[in-house]
Amino acid sequence: MEYILIYSDKCNFSNQLKQYNIFNKVSKIAINNKKDLVNIPEYVKEVPVLIIKNTLKKEINILKKNNLFEWFVSNSRNNNVADNSSHNNQTNNDDSDMLESNM
């Protein structure tokens, strides 16, 4: 699994995520750095979002809003980046906050 957080230093919600220890354990792209904008997939329309790439299944999940916050809380509590299957089952049923696409 690969975890990429796309965020903005000018966004209050993005800045709130910095308080969780998991923030320092995921890859990040700040949209404030113009040179990094080319690395942002075109399907990302808002920040913050967490892109979870499952290279084995060749699928991408995107967490945003409440699902993103819950993932940060859960994985900071566990003190590691883990595939929390109960959380993934919950987010897979919430199409409004997650997009799936093939790589």
PDB file of N, CA and C in Angstrom:
ATOM      1  N   MET A   1       0.847  -1.186   0.000  1.00  0.00           N
ATOM      2  CA  MET A   1       0.000   0.000   0.000  1.00  0.00           C
ATOM      3  C   MET A   1       0.887   1.242   0.000  1.00  0.00           C
ATOM      4  N   GLU A   2       0.422   2.198  -0.738  1.00  0.00           N
ATOM      5  CA  GLU A   2       1.100   3.493  -0.778  1.00  0.00           C
ATOM      6  C   GLU A   2       0.095   4.550  -0.348  1.00  0.00           C
ATOM      7  N   TYR A   3       0.510   5.445   0.537  1.00  0.00           N
ATOM      8  CA  TYR A   3      -0.365   6.480   1.086  1.00  0.00           C
ATOM      9  C   TYR A   3       0.198   7.842   0.699  1.00  0.00           C
ATOM     10  N   ILE A   4      -0.621   8.667   0.036  1.00  0.00           N
ATOM     11  CA  ILE A   4      -0.194   9.994  -0.385  1.00  0.00           C
ATOM     12  C   ILE A   4      -1.247  11.004   0.055  1.00  0.00           C
ATOM     13  N   LEU A   5      -0.833  11.935   0.894  1.00  0.00           N
ATOM     14  CA  LEU A   5      -1.721  13.003   1.339  1.00  0.00           C
ATOM     15  C   LEU A   5      -1.477  14.228   0.477  1.00  0.00           C
ATOM     16  N   ILE A   6      -2.539  14.741  -0.104  1.00  0.00           N
ATOM     17  CA  ILE A   6      -2.464  15.990  -0.860  1.00  0.00           C
ATOM     18  C   ILE A   6      -3.176  17.035  -0.018  1.00  0.00           C
ATOM     19  N   TYR A   7      -2.438  18.100   0.304  1.00  0.00           N
ATOM     20  CA  TYR A   7      -2.964  19.079   1.247  1.00  0.00           C
ATOM     21  C   TYR A   7      -2.480  20.480   0.886  1.00  0.00           C
ATOM     22  N   SER A   8      -2.971  21.456   1.635  1.00  0.00           N
ATOM     23  CA  SER A   8      -2.555  22.843   1.468  1.00  0.00           C
ATOM     24  C   SER A   8      -2.198  23.423   2.829  1.00  0.00           C
ATOM     25  N   ASP A   9      -1.103  24.144   2.873  1.00  0.00           N
ATOM     26  CA  ASP A   9      -0.721  24.829   4.107  1.00  0.00           C
ATOM     27  C   ASP A   9      -1.690  25.969   4.442  1.00  0.00           C
ATOM     28  N   LYS A  10      -2.497  26.382   3.478  1.00  0.00           N
ATOM     29  CA  LYS A  10      -3.449  27.476   3.682  1.00  0.00           C
ATOM     30  C   LYS A  10      -4.837  26.984   4.075  1.00  0.00           C
ATOM     31  N   CYS A  11      -5.003  25.670   4.187  1.00  0.00           N
ATOM     32  CA  CYS A  11      -6.297  25.068   4.499  1.00  0.00           C
ATOM     33  C   CYS A  11      -6.344  24.704   5.986  1.00  0.00           C
ATOM     34  N   ASN A  12      -7.363  25.189   6.688  1.00  0.00           N
ATOM     35  CA  ASN A  12      -7.486  24.898   8.122  1.00  0.00           C
ATOM     36  C   ASN A  12      -7.602  23.405   8.400  1.00  0.00           C
ATOM     37  N   PHE A  13      -8.393  22.695   7.606  1.00  0.00           N
ATOM     38  CA  PHE A  13      -8.556  21.255   7.819  1.00  0.00           C
ATOM     39  C   PHE A  13      -7.236  20.525   7.581  1.00  0.00           C
ATOM     40  N   SER A  14      -6.507  20.914   6.544  1.00  0.00           N
ATOM     41  CA  SER A  14      -5.190  20.317   6.290  1.00  0.00           C
ATOM     42  C   SER A  14      -4.261  20.549   7.475  1.00  0.00           C
ATOM     43  N   ASN A  15      -4.276  21.744   8.002  1.00  0.00           N
ATOM     44  CA  ASN A  15      -3.405  22.065   9.137  1.00  0.00           C
ATOM     45  C   ASN A  15      -3.792  21.295  10.397  1.00  0.00           C
ATOM     46  N   GLN A  16      -5.071  20.989  10.567  1.00  0.00           N
ATOM     47  CA  GLN A  16      -5.493  20.190  11.717  1.00  0.00           C
ATOM     48  C   GLN A  16      -4.919  18.775  11.649  1.00  0.00           C
ATOM     49  N   LEU A  17      -4.746  18.260  10.444  1.00  0.00           N
ATOM     50  CA  LEU A  17      -4.209  16.905  10.290  1.00  0.00           C
ATOM     51  C   LEU A  17      -2.754  16.805  10.748  1.00  0.00           C
ATOM     52  N   LYS A  18      -2.058  17.928  10.763  1.00  0.00           N
ATOM     53  CA  LYS A  18      -0.644  17.931  11.162  1.00  0.00           C
ATOM     54  C   LYS A  18      -0.439  17.550  12.623  1.00  0.00           C
ATOM     55  N   GLN A  19      -1.473  17.632  13.433  1.00  0.00           N
ATOM     56  CA  GLN A  19      -1.345  17.284  14.849  1.00  0.00           C
ATOM     57  C   GLN A  19      -1.247  15.777  15.085  1.00  0.00           C
ATOM     58  N   TYR A  20      -1.606  14.974  14.089  1.00  0.00           N
ATOM     59  CA  TYR A  20      -1.580  13.517  14.229  1.00  0.00           C
ATOM     60  C   TYR A  20      -0.224  12.978  13.789  1.00  0.00           C
ATOM     61  N   ASN A  21       0.302  12.020  14.563  1.00  0.00           N
ATOM     62  CA  ASN A  21       1.630  11.506  14.252  1.00  0.00           C
ATOM     63  C   ASN A  21       1.685  10.798  12.910  1.00  0.00           C
ATOM     64  N   ILE A  22       0.575  10.336  12.409  1.00  0.00           N
ATOM     65  CA  ILE A  22       0.552   9.660  11.115  1.00  0.00           C
ATOM     66  C   ILE A  22       0.873  10.634   9.979  1.00  0.00           C
ATOM     67  N   PHE A  23       0.665  11.925  10.219  1.00  0.00           N
ATOM     68  CA  PHE A  23       0.962  12.939   9.207  1.00  0.00           C
ATOM     69  C   PHE A  23       2.412  12.830   8.744  1.00  0.00           C
ATOM     70  N   ASN A  24       3.312  12.549   9.666  1.00  0.00           N
ATOM     71  CA  ASN A  24       4.734  12.460   9.324  1.00  0.00           C
ATOM     72  C   ASN A  24       5.129  11.119   8.732  1.00  0.00           C
ATOM     73  N   LYS A  25       4.192  10.181   8.651  1.00  0.00           N
ATOM     74  CA  LYS A  25       4.513   8.838   8.171  1.00  0.00           C
ATOM     75  C   LYS A  25       3.973   8.535   6.780  1.00  0.00           C
ATOM     76  N   VAL A  26       3.196   9.450   6.220  1.00  0.00           N
ATOM     77  CA  VAL A  26       2.680   9.252   4.872  1.00  0.00           C
ATOM     78  C   VAL A  26       3.407  10.194   3.922  1.00  0.00           C
ATOM     79  N   SER A  27       3.447   9.822   2.648  1.00  0.00           N
ATOM     80  CA  SER A  27       4.002  10.724   1.638  1.00  0.00           C
ATOM     81  C   SER A  27       3.050  11.898   1.497  1.00  0.00           C
ATOM     82  N   LYS A  28       3.597  13.063   1.185  1.00  0.00           N
ATOM     83  CA  LYS A  28       2.766  14.260   1.098  1.00  0.00           C
ATOM     84  C   LYS A  28       3.104  15.070  -0.137  1.00  0.00           C
ATOM     85  N   ILE A  29       2.079  15.709  -0.667  1.00  0.00           N
ATOM     86  CA  ILE A  29       2.244  16.691  -1.733  1.00  0.00           C
ATOM     87  C   ILE A  29       1.485  17.937  -1.294  1.00  0.00           C
ATOM     88  N   ALA A  30       2.201  19.026  -1.117  1.00  0.00           N
ATOM     89  CA  ALA A  30       1.573  20.297  -0.751  1.00  0.00           C
ATOM     90  C   ALA A  30       1.266  21.067  -2.028  1.00  0.00           C
ATOM     91  N   ILE A  31       0.021  21.450  -2.205  1.00  0.00           N
ATOM     92  CA  ILE A  31      -0.348  22.158  -3.430  1.00  0.00           C
ATOM     93  C   ILE A  31       0.218  23.570  -3.461  1.00  0.00           C
ATOM     94  N   ASN A  32       0.776  24.020  -2.351  1.00  0.00           N
ATOM     95  CA  ASN A  32       1.376  25.344  -2.304  1.00  0.00           C
ATOM     96  C   ASN A  32       2.695  25.393  -3.080  1.00  0.00           C
ATOM     97  N   ASN A  33       3.324  24.238  -3.273  1.00  0.00           N
ATOM     98  CA  ASN A  33       4.565  24.169  -4.038  1.00  0.00           C
ATOM     99  C   ASN A  33       4.220  23.961  -5.506  1.00  0.00           C
ATOM    100  N   LYS A  34       4.376  25.013  -6.295  1.00  0.00           N
ATOM    101  CA  LYS A  34       3.969  24.959  -7.701  1.00  0.00           C
ATOM    102  C   LYS A  34       4.668  23.836  -8.458  1.00  0.00           C
ATOM    103  N   LYS A  35       5.894  23.515  -8.092  1.00  0.00           N
ATOM    104  CA  LYS A  35       6.613  22.447  -8.792  1.00  0.00           C
ATOM    105  C   LYS A  35       5.982  21.080  -8.530  1.00  0.00           C
ATOM    106  N   ASP A  36       5.271  20.930  -7.409  1.00  0.00           N
ATOM    107  CA  ASP A  36       4.637  19.652  -7.076  1.00  0.00           C
ATOM    108  C   ASP A  36       3.256  19.485  -7.708  1.00  0.00           C
ATOM    109  N   LEU A  37       2.697  20.551  -8.258  1.00  0.00           N
ATOM    110  CA  LEU A  37       1.360  20.469  -8.840  1.00  0.00           C
ATOM    111  C   LEU A  37       1.284  19.458  -9.984  1.00  0.00           C
ATOM    112  N   VAL A  38       2.374  19.238 -10.682  1.00  0.00           N
ATOM    113  CA  VAL A  38       2.368  18.273 -11.789  1.00  0.00           C
ATOM    114  C   VAL A  38       2.210  16.843 -11.285  1.00  0.00           C
ATOM    115  N   ASN A  39       2.473  16.604  -9.998  1.00  0.00           N
ATOM    116  CA  ASN A  39       2.366  15.273  -9.419  1.00  0.00           C
ATOM    117  C   ASN A  39       0.970  14.938  -8.909  1.00  0.00           C
ATOM    118  N   ILE A  40       0.057  15.884  -8.991  1.00  0.00           N
ATOM    119  CA  ILE A  40      -1.295  15.681  -8.469  1.00  0.00           C
ATOM    120  C   ILE A  40      -2.179  15.104  -9.573  1.00  0.00           C
ATOM    121  N   PRO A  41      -2.791  13.958  -9.326  1.00  0.00           N
ATOM    122  CA  PRO A  41      -3.684  13.370 -10.336  1.00  0.00           C
ATOM    123  C   PRO A  41      -4.838  14.312 -10.662  1.00  0.00           C
ATOM    124  N   GLU A  42      -5.271  14.297 -11.899  1.00  0.00           N
ATOM    125  CA  GLU A  42      -6.326  15.220 -12.322  1.00  0.00           C
ATOM    126  C   GLU A  42      -7.676  14.931 -11.677  1.00  0.00           C
ATOM    127  N   TYR A  43      -7.874  13.743 -11.130  1.00  0.00           N
ATOM    128  CA  TYR A  43      -9.143  13.431 -10.475  1.00  0.00           C
ATOM    129  C   TYR A  43      -9.233  14.019  -9.068  1.00  0.00           C
ATOM    130  N   VAL A  44      -8.160  14.602  -8.552  1.00  0.00           N
ATOM    131  CA  VAL A  44      -8.193  15.256  -7.247  1.00  0.00           C
ATOM    132  C   VAL A  44      -8.690  16.684  -7.457  1.00  0.00           C
ATOM    133  N   LYS A  45      -9.850  16.970  -6.888  1.00  0.00           N
ATOM    134  CA  LYS A  45     -10.505  18.272  -7.094  1.00  0.00           C
ATOM    135  C   LYS A  45     -10.543  19.128  -5.845  1.00  0.00           C
ATOM    136  N   GLU A  46     -10.155  18.564  -4.683  1.00  0.00           N
ATOM    137  CA  GLU A  46     -10.176  19.317  -3.439  1.00  0.00           C
ATOM    138  C   GLU A  46      -9.103  18.773  -2.511  1.00  0.00           C
ATOM    139  N   VAL A  47      -8.767  19.547  -1.518  1.00  0.00           N
ATOM    140  CA  VAL A  47      -7.809  19.114  -0.504  1.00  0.00           C
ATOM    141  C   VAL A  47      -8.409  19.352   0.868  1.00  0.00           C
ATOM    142  N   PRO A  48      -7.998  18.604   1.854  1.00  0.00           N
ATOM    143  CA  PRO A  48      -7.032  17.513   1.780  1.00  0.00           C
ATOM    144  C   PRO A  48      -7.708  16.220   1.326  1.00  0.00           C
ATOM    145  N   VAL A  49      -6.921  15.382   0.693  1.00  0.00           N
ATOM    146  CA  VAL A  49      -7.348  14.037   0.315  1.00  0.00           C
ATOM    147  C   VAL A  49      -6.202  13.080   0.569  1.00  0.00           C
ATOM    148  N   LEU A  50      -6.544  11.859   0.890  1.00  0.00           N
ATOM    149  CA  LEU A  50      -5.548  10.815   1.051  1.00  0.00           C
ATOM    150  C   LEU A  50      -5.786   9.789  -0.043  1.00  0.00           C
ATOM    151  N   ILE A  51      -4.765   9.569  -0.846  1.00  0.00           N
ATOM    152  CA  ILE A  51      -4.831   8.569  -1.899  1.00  0.00           C
ATOM    153  C   ILE A  51      -4.185   7.301  -1.353  1.00  0.00           C
ATOM    154  N   ILE A  52      -4.925   6.216  -1.411  1.00  0.00           N
ATOM    155  CA  ILE A  52      -4.407   4.926  -0.966  1.00  0.00           C
ATOM    156  C   ILE A  52      -4.324   4.040  -2.199  1.00  0.00           C
ATOM    157  N   LYS A  53      -3.088   3.728  -2.579  1.00  0.00           N
ATOM    158  CA  LYS A  53      -2.870   2.892  -3.757  1.00  0.00           C
ATOM    159  C   LYS A  53      -2.584   1.471  -3.313  1.00  0.00           C
ATOM    160  N   ASN A  54      -3.400   0.567  -3.791  1.00  0.00           N
ATOM    161  CA  ASN A  54      -3.180  -0.852  -3.559  1.00  0.00           C
ATOM    162  C   ASN A  54      -2.574  -1.400  -4.845  1.00  0.00           C
ATOM    163  N   THR A  55      -1.251  -1.556  -4.853  1.00  0.00           N
ATOM    164  CA  THR A  55      -0.566  -1.964  -6.076  1.00  0.00           C
ATOM    165  C   THR A  55      -0.872  -3.404  -6.459  1.00  0.00           C
ATOM    166  N   LEU A  56      -1.185  -4.252  -5.492  1.00  0.00           N
ATOM    167  CA  LEU A  56      -1.512  -5.645  -5.800  1.00  0.00           C
ATOM    168  C   LEU A  56      -2.842  -5.760  -6.532  1.00  0.00           C
ATOM    169  N   LYS A  57      -3.832  -5.015  -6.076  1.00  0.00           N
ATOM    170  CA  LYS A  57      -5.156  -5.059  -6.698  1.00  0.00           C
ATOM    171  C   LYS A  57      -5.303  -4.029  -7.816  1.00  0.00           C
ATOM    172  N   LYS A  58      -4.295  -3.183  -7.973  1.00  0.00           N
ATOM    173  CA  LYS A  58      -4.306  -2.120  -8.984  1.00  0.00           C
ATOM    174  C   LYS A  58      -5.543  -1.250  -8.855  1.00  0.00           C
ATOM    175  N   GLU A  59      -5.789  -0.785  -7.633  1.00  0.00           N
ATOM    176  CA  GLU A  59      -6.913   0.116  -7.423  1.00  0.00           C
ATOM    177  C   GLU A  59      -6.471   1.279  -6.540  1.00  0.00           C
ATOM    178  N   ILE A  60      -7.234   2.327  -6.647  1.00  0.00           N
ATOM    179  CA  ILE A  60      -6.954   3.545  -5.886  1.00  0.00           C
ATOM    180  C   ILE A  60      -8.198   3.916  -5.103  1.00  0.00           C
ATOM    181  N   ASN A  61      -8.015   4.203  -3.824  1.00  0.00           N
ATOM    182  CA  ASN A  61      -9.096   4.713  -2.980  1.00  0.00           C
ATOM    183  C   ASN A  61      -8.724   6.118  -2.548  1.00  0.00           C
ATOM    184  N   ILE A  62      -9.717   6.972  -2.489  1.00  0.00           N
ATOM    185  CA  ILE A  62      -9.492   8.343  -2.057  1.00  0.00           C
ATOM    186  C   ILE A  62     -10.371   8.616  -0.849  1.00  0.00           C
ATOM    187  N   LEU A  63      -9.719   9.064   0.217  1.00  0.00           N
ATOM    188  CA  LEU A  63     -10.456   9.445   1.423  1.00  0.00           C
ATOM    189  C   LEU A  63     -10.455  10.955   1.530  1.00  0.00           C
ATOM    190  N   LYS A  64     -11.614  11.497   1.886  1.00  0.00           N
ATOM    191  CA  LYS A  64     -11.720  12.934   2.114  1.00  0.00           C
ATOM    192  C   LYS A  64     -12.764  13.179   3.181  1.00  0.00           C
ATOM    193  N   LYS A  65     -12.817  14.370   3.649  1.00  0.00           N
ATOM    194  CA  LYS A  65     -13.788  14.803   4.655  1.00  0.00           C
ATOM    195  C   LYS A  65     -13.757  13.905   5.888  1.00  0.00           C
ATOM    196  N   ASN A  66     -14.921  13.432   6.333  1.00  0.00           N
ATOM    197  CA  ASN A  66     -14.990  12.647   7.571  1.00  0.00           C
ATOM    198  C   ASN A  66     -14.190  11.354   7.498  1.00  0.00           C
ATOM    199  N   ASN A  67     -14.198  10.695   6.351  1.00  0.00           N
ATOM    200  CA  ASN A  67     -13.440   9.447   6.218  1.00  0.00           C
ATOM    201  C   ASN A  67     -11.942   9.689   6.371  1.00  0.00           C
ATOM    202  N   LEU A  68     -11.467  10.792   5.858  1.00  0.00           N
ATOM    203  CA  LEU A  68     -10.051  11.136   5.998  1.00  0.00           C
ATOM    204  C   LEU A  68      -9.713  11.398   7.459  1.00  0.00           C
ATOM    205  N   PHE A  69     -10.528  12.184   8.120  1.00  0.00           N
ATOM    206  CA  PHE A  69     -10.302  12.483   9.529  1.00  0.00           C
ATOM    207  C   PHE A  69     -10.314  11.197  10.366  1.00  0.00           C
ATOM    208  N   GLU A  70     -11.296  10.337  10.131  1.00  0.00           N
ATOM    209  CA  GLU A  70     -11.384   9.079  10.877  1.00  0.00           C
ATOM    210  C   GLU A  70     -10.156   8.209  10.631  1.00  0.00           C
ATOM    211  N   TRP A  71      -9.669   8.180   9.403  1.00  0.00           N
ATOM    212  CA  TRP A  71      -8.482   7.383   9.085  1.00  0.00           C
ATOM    213  C   TRP A  71      -7.275   7.922   9.855  1.00  0.00           C
ATOM    214  N   PHE A  72      -7.130   9.244   9.891  1.00  0.00           N
ATOM    215  CA  PHE A  72      -6.011   9.843  10.629  1.00  0.00           C
ATOM    216  C   PHE A  72      -6.105   9.525  12.117  1.00  0.00           C
ATOM    217  N   VAL A  73      -7.275   9.648  12.696  1.00  0.00           N
ATOM    218  CA  VAL A  73      -7.461   9.348  14.119  1.00  0.00           C
ATOM    219  C   VAL A  73      -7.148   7.884  14.381  1.00  0.00           C
ATOM    220  N   SER A  74      -7.714   7.014  13.600  1.00  0.00           N
ATOM    221  CA  SER A  74      -7.533   5.579  13.797  1.00  0.00           C
ATOM    222  C   SER A  74      -6.066   5.162  13.655  1.00  0.00           C
ATOM    223  N   ASN A  75      -5.406   5.644  12.628  1.00  0.00           N
ATOM    224  CA  ASN A  75      -4.031   5.235  12.380  1.00  0.00           C
ATOM    225  C   ASN A  75      -3.033   5.952  13.277  1.00  0.00           C
ATOM    226  N   SER A  76      -3.390   7.076  13.819  1.00  0.00           N
ATOM    227  CA  SER A  76      -2.522   7.728  14.803  1.00  0.00           C
ATOM    228  C   SER A  76      -2.638   7.013  16.136  1.00  0.00           C
ATOM    229  N   ARG A  77      -3.817   6.539  16.452  1.00  0.00           N
ATOM    230  CA  ARG A  77      -4.031   5.773  17.680  1.00  0.00           C
ATOM    231  C   ARG A  77      -3.211   4.480  17.628  1.00  0.00           C
ATOM    232  N   ASN A  78      -3.194   3.849  16.446  1.00  0.00           N
ATOM    233  CA  ASN A  78      -2.431   2.617  16.266  1.00  0.00           C
ATOM    234  C   ASN A  78      -0.937   2.890  16.129  1.00  0.00           C
ATOM    235  N   ASN A  79      -0.607   4.152  15.917  1.00  0.00           N
ATOM    236  CA  ASN A  79       0.779   4.604  15.815  1.00  0.00           C
ATOM    237  C   ASN A  79       1.506   4.008  14.610  1.00  0.00           C
ATOM    238  N   ASN A  80       0.764   3.623  13.585  1.00  0.00           N
ATOM    239  CA  ASN A  80       1.396   3.143  12.359  1.00  0.00           C
ATOM    240  C   ASN A  80       0.413   3.241  11.202  1.00  0.00           C
ATOM    241  N   VAL A  81       0.943   3.102   9.993  1.00  0.00           N
ATOM    242  CA  VAL A  81       0.086   3.060   8.820  1.00  0.00           C
ATOM    243  C   VAL A  81      -0.297   1.612   8.631  1.00  0.00           C
ATOM    244  N   ALA A  82      -1.585   1.336   8.774  1.00  0.00           N
ATOM    245  CA  ALA A  82      -2.037  -0.048   8.685  1.00  0.00           C
ATOM    246  C   ALA A  82      -3.288  -0.111   7.839  1.00  0.00           C
ATOM    247  N   ASP A  83      -3.526  -1.251   7.267  1.00  0.00           N
ATOM    248  CA  ASP A  83      -4.737  -1.491   6.512  1.00  0.00           C
ATOM    249  C   ASP A  83      -5.804  -1.936   7.495  1.00  0.00           C
ATOM    250  N   ASN A  84      -6.588  -0.992   7.962  1.00  0.00           N
ATOM    251  CA  ASN A  84      -7.623  -1.259   8.947  1.00  0.00           C
ATOM    252  C   ASN A  84      -8.839  -1.778   8.200  1.00  0.00           C
ATOM    253  N   SER A  85      -9.035  -3.097   8.176  1.00  0.00           N
ATOM    254  CA  SER A  85     -10.065  -3.691   7.330  1.00  0.00           C
ATOM    255  C   SER A  85     -11.467  -3.248   7.710  1.00  0.00           C
ATOM    256  N   SER A  86     -11.761  -3.054   8.967  1.00  0.00           N
ATOM    257  CA  SER A  86     -13.110  -2.618   9.330  1.00  0.00           C
ATOM    258  C   SER A  86     -13.368  -1.210   8.834  1.00  0.00           C
ATOM    259  N   HIS A  87     -12.346  -0.352   8.876  1.00  0.00           N
ATOM    260  CA  HIS A  87     -12.515   1.001   8.360  1.00  0.00           C
ATOM    261  C   HIS A  87     -12.642   0.975   6.844  1.00  0.00           C
ATOM    262  N   ASN A  88     -11.853   0.144   6.180  1.00  0.00           N
ATOM    263  CA  ASN A  88     -11.926   0.061   4.729  1.00  0.00           C
ATOM    264  C   ASN A  88     -13.295  -0.424   4.288  1.00  0.00           C
ATOM    265  N   ASN A  89     -13.890  -1.360   5.005  1.00  0.00           N
ATOM    266  CA  ASN A  89     -15.225  -1.818   4.657  1.00  0.00           C
ATOM    267  C   ASN A  89     -16.237  -0.697   4.787  1.00  0.00           C
ATOM    268  N   GLN A  90     -16.067   0.126   5.801  1.00  0.00           N
ATOM    269  CA  GLN A  90     -16.980   1.248   5.989  1.00  0.00           C
ATOM    270  C   GLN A  90     -16.831   2.240   4.849  1.00  0.00           C
ATOM    271  N   THR A  91     -15.611   2.604   4.492  1.00  0.00           N
ATOM    272  CA  THR A  91     -15.417   3.604   3.456  1.00  0.00           C
ATOM    273  C   THR A  91     -15.777   3.069   2.091  1.00  0.00           C
ATOM    274  N   ASN A  92     -15.634   1.772   1.855  1.00  0.00           N
ATOM    275  CA  ASN A  92     -16.006   1.227   0.570  1.00  0.00           C
ATOM    276  C   ASN A  92     -17.499   1.323   0.328  1.00  0.00           C
ATOM    277  N   ASN A  93     -18.291   1.474   1.378  1.00  0.00           N
ATOM    278  CA  ASN A  93     -19.727   1.599   1.231  1.00  0.00           C
ATOM    279  C   ASN A  93     -20.182   3.041   1.136  1.00  0.00           C
ATOM    280  N   ASP A  94     -19.282   3.984   1.238  1.00  0.00           N
ATOM    281  CA  ASP A  94     -19.632   5.394   1.220  1.00  0.00           C
ATOM    282  C   ASP A  94     -19.131   6.031  -0.077  1.00  0.00           C
ATOM    283  N   ASP A  95     -19.901   5.922  -1.138  1.00  0.00           N
ATOM    284  CA  ASP A  95     -19.482   6.414  -2.440  1.00  0.00           C
ATOM    285  C   ASP A  95     -19.353   7.927  -2.488  1.00  0.00           C
ATOM    286  N   SER A  96     -20.008   8.636  -1.596  1.00  0.00           N
ATOM    287  CA  SER A  96     -19.945  10.091  -1.645  1.00  0.00           C
ATOM    288  C   SER A  96     -18.599  10.635  -1.222  1.00  0.00           C
ATOM    289  N   ASP A  97     -17.853   9.887  -0.418  1.00  0.00           N
ATOM    290  CA  ASP A  97     -16.568  10.370   0.064  1.00  0.00           C
ATOM    291  C   ASP A  97     -15.384   9.605  -0.482  1.00  0.00           C
ATOM    292  N   MET A  98     -15.585   8.742  -1.470  1.00  0.00           N
ATOM    293  CA  MET A  98     -14.470   7.981  -1.980  1.00  0.00           C
ATOM    294  C   MET A  98     -14.688   7.672  -3.451  1.00  0.00           C
ATOM    295  N   LEU A  99     -13.621   7.756  -4.211  1.00  0.00           N
ATOM    296  CA  LEU A  99     -13.659   7.389  -5.612  1.00  0.00           C
ATOM    297  C   LEU A  99     -12.785   6.165  -5.791  1.00  0.00           C
ATOM    298  N   GLU A 100     -13.177   5.286  -6.650  1.00  0.00           N
ATOM    299  CA  GLU A 100     -12.340   4.142  -6.987  1.00  0.00           C
ATOM    300  C   GLU A 100     -12.092   4.178  -8.479  1.00  0.00           C
ATOM    301  N   SER A 101     -10.872   3.863  -8.860  1.00  0.00           N
ATOM    302  CA  SER A 101     -10.570   3.768 -10.287  1.00  0.00           C
ATOM    303  C   SER A 101      -9.454   2.769 -10.475  1.00  0.00           C
ATOM    304  N   ASN A 102      -9.350   2.258 -11.655  1.00  0.00           N
ATOM    305  CA  ASN A 102      -8.244   1.350 -11.974  1.00  0.00           C
ATOM    306  C   ASN A 102      -7.030   2.153 -12.360  1.00  0.00           C
ATOM    307  N   MET A 103      -5.876   1.630 -12.018  1.00  0.00           N
ATOM    308  CA  MET A 103      -4.634   2.313 -12.366  1.00  0.00           C
ATOM    309  C   MET A 103      -4.294   2.045 -13.814  1.00  0.00           C
TER     310      MET A 103
END
